[in-house]
Amino acid sequence: MPLNSPLRGLNNLIITSHLAGQTAQARTRAALAAAHAIIDVLAGREPDHPVDR
C-alpha cells in the first residue's frame, strides 16, 4: 500500500498481512520461495515470479 494512501489515516481500519488461512507448511514454502528469489537476484538472475511486472 502506498505511503500516501488515504486508507492509512482511517481510525476504523486495521491493516494486516494476508496469512490467516495459511498452514505452517504453506508459510514455510512461501518463505523458501522468497529466499530463493533473493538468492536469484543477488546472483544476477531473474526470479521466477517477479512482483514488479
N, C-alpha and C. Protein backbone atom coordinates (compact mmCIF):
# COMPACT_ATOMS: atom_id res chain seq x y z
N MET A 1 0.85 -1.17 0.00
CA MET A 1 0.00 0.00 0.00
C MET A 1 0.89 1.23 0.00
N PRO A 2 0.59 2.19 -0.85
CA PRO A 2 1.40 3.41 -0.90
C PRO A 2 1.37 4.16 0.43
N LEU A 3 2.47 4.82 0.74
CA LEU A 3 2.55 5.58 1.99
C LEU A 3 1.52 6.70 2.05
N ASN A 4 1.10 7.22 0.91
CA ASN A 4 0.15 8.32 0.90
C ASN A 4 -1.30 7.85 0.71
N SER A 5 -1.55 6.57 0.88
CA SER A 5 -2.91 6.04 0.72
C SER A 5 -3.84 6.64 1.78
N PRO A 6 -5.04 7.07 1.40
CA PRO A 6 -5.99 7.60 2.37
C PRO A 6 -6.44 6.54 3.38
N LEU A 7 -6.29 5.28 3.05
CA LEU A 7 -6.68 4.22 3.99
C LEU A 7 -5.83 4.24 5.25
N ARG A 8 -4.59 4.69 5.13
CA ARG A 8 -3.69 4.70 6.29
C ARG A 8 -4.16 5.67 7.39
N GLY A 9 -4.96 6.64 7.06
CA GLY A 9 -5.41 7.61 8.04
C GLY A 9 -6.73 7.27 8.71
N LEU A 10 -7.34 6.15 8.35
CA LEU A 10 -8.64 5.80 8.93
C LEU A 10 -8.47 5.18 10.31
N ASN A 11 -9.25 5.68 11.26
CA ASN A 11 -9.19 5.15 12.62
C ASN A 11 -9.94 3.83 12.76
N ASN A 12 -10.84 3.54 11.83
CA ASN A 12 -11.67 2.34 11.95
C ASN A 12 -11.21 1.24 10.99
N LEU A 13 -9.93 1.24 10.64
CA LEU A 13 -9.39 0.25 9.71
C LEU A 13 -8.16 -0.39 10.31
N ILE A 14 -8.10 -1.71 10.24
CA ILE A 14 -6.93 -2.45 10.68
C ILE A 14 -6.33 -3.12 9.44
N ILE A 15 -5.07 -2.84 9.19
CA ILE A 15 -4.39 -3.41 8.02
C ILE A 15 -3.52 -4.56 8.51
N THR A 16 -3.74 -5.72 7.94
CA THR A 16 -2.96 -6.90 8.32
C THR A 16 -2.43 -7.59 7.07
N SER A 17 -1.48 -8.46 7.28
CA SER A 17 -0.98 -9.26 6.17
C SER A 17 -2.01 -10.35 5.88
N HIS A 18 -1.92 -10.94 4.71
CA HIS A 18 -2.88 -11.96 4.29
C HIS A 18 -2.31 -13.34 4.57
N LEU A 19 -2.33 -13.74 5.84
CA LEU A 19 -1.80 -15.04 6.24
C LEU A 19 -2.81 -15.87 7.02
N ALA A 20 -4.02 -15.40 7.17
CA ALA A 20 -4.98 -16.05 8.05
C ALA A 20 -5.26 -17.50 7.70
N GLY A 21 -5.34 -17.83 6.43
CA GLY A 21 -5.70 -19.19 6.05
C GLY A 21 -4.53 -20.10 5.75
N GLN A 22 -3.33 -19.64 6.00
CA GLN A 22 -2.17 -20.45 5.63
C GLN A 22 -1.78 -21.41 6.74
N THR A 23 -1.40 -22.60 6.32
CA THR A 23 -0.87 -23.59 7.27
C THR A 23 0.60 -23.30 7.53
N ALA A 24 1.15 -23.95 8.52
CA ALA A 24 2.58 -23.80 8.81
C ALA A 24 3.41 -24.24 7.60
N GLN A 25 2.98 -25.31 6.95
CA GLN A 25 3.70 -25.80 5.78
C GLN A 25 3.65 -24.78 4.64
N ALA A 26 2.51 -24.14 4.45
CA ALA A 26 2.38 -23.14 3.38
C ALA A 26 3.27 -21.94 3.67
N ARG A 27 3.34 -21.52 4.92
CA ARG A 27 4.22 -20.40 5.28
C ARG A 27 5.68 -20.76 5.06
N THR A 28 6.04 -22.00 5.36
CA THR A 28 7.41 -22.46 5.13
C THR A 28 7.73 -22.43 3.64
N ARG A 29 6.81 -22.94 2.81
CA ARG A 29 7.04 -22.92 1.36
C ARG A 29 7.16 -21.49 0.84
N ALA A 30 6.33 -20.59 1.35
CA ALA A 30 6.39 -19.19 0.91
C ALA A 30 7.73 -18.56 1.33
N ALA A 31 8.18 -18.86 2.53
CA ALA A 31 9.46 -18.32 2.99
C ALA A 31 10.62 -18.85 2.15
N LEU A 32 10.58 -20.13 1.82
CA LEU A 32 11.63 -20.70 0.98
C LEU A 32 11.62 -20.10 -0.42
N ALA A 33 10.43 -19.89 -0.97
CA ALA A 33 10.32 -19.28 -2.30
C ALA A 33 10.90 -17.87 -2.28
N ALA A 34 10.61 -17.11 -1.22
CA ALA A 34 11.14 -15.75 -1.09
C ALA A 34 12.67 -15.79 -0.98
N ALA A 35 13.18 -16.73 -0.19
CA ALA A 35 14.64 -16.84 -0.03
C ALA A 35 15.30 -17.19 -1.36
N HIS A 36 14.71 -18.11 -2.11
CA HIS A 36 15.27 -18.47 -3.41
C HIS A 36 15.25 -17.27 -4.37
N ALA A 37 14.19 -16.47 -4.31
CA ALA A 37 14.11 -15.29 -5.17
C ALA A 37 15.21 -14.29 -4.80
N ILE A 38 15.46 -14.11 -3.52
CA ILE A 38 16.52 -13.20 -3.08
C ILE A 38 17.87 -13.70 -3.56
N ILE A 39 18.11 -15.00 -3.43
CA ILE A 39 19.37 -15.59 -3.90
C ILE A 39 19.51 -15.38 -5.40
N ASP A 40 18.43 -15.58 -6.16
CA ASP A 40 18.49 -15.37 -7.61
C ASP A 40 18.87 -13.94 -7.95
N VAL A 41 18.23 -12.98 -7.30
CA VAL A 41 18.51 -11.57 -7.59
C VAL A 41 19.95 -11.23 -7.23
N LEU A 42 20.41 -11.70 -6.07
CA LEU A 42 21.79 -11.40 -5.67
C LEU A 42 22.81 -12.04 -6.60
N ALA A 43 22.42 -13.15 -7.24
CA ALA A 43 23.31 -13.82 -8.19
C ALA A 43 23.16 -13.27 -9.61
N GLY A 44 22.32 -12.24 -9.77
CA GLY A 44 22.14 -11.62 -11.07
C GLY A 44 21.16 -12.34 -11.97
N ARG A 45 20.37 -13.24 -11.41
CA ARG A 45 19.36 -13.98 -12.18
C ARG A 45 17.98 -13.37 -11.96
N GLU A 46 17.12 -13.56 -12.94
CA GLU A 46 15.72 -13.12 -12.83
C GLU A 46 14.98 -14.09 -11.90
N PRO A 47 14.26 -13.59 -10.89
CA PRO A 47 13.49 -14.50 -10.03
C PRO A 47 12.34 -15.13 -10.83
N ASP A 48 11.88 -16.28 -10.36
CA ASP A 48 10.79 -16.99 -11.05
C ASP A 48 9.51 -16.18 -11.11
N HIS A 49 9.21 -15.43 -10.07
CA HIS A 49 7.93 -14.71 -10.00
C HIS A 49 8.15 -13.26 -9.56
N PRO A 50 8.67 -12.41 -10.45
CA PRO A 50 8.88 -11.01 -10.06
C PRO A 50 7.53 -10.32 -9.78
N VAL A 51 7.49 -9.48 -8.78
CA VAL A 51 6.24 -8.83 -8.39
C VAL A 51 6.09 -7.42 -8.96
N ASP A 52 7.08 -6.95 -9.68
CA ASP A 52 7.02 -5.59 -10.20
C ASP A 52 6.57 -5.53 -11.66
N ARG A 53 6.01 -6.63 -12.17
CA ARG A 53 5.55 -6.65 -13.56
C ARG A 53 4.19 -7.25 -13.66
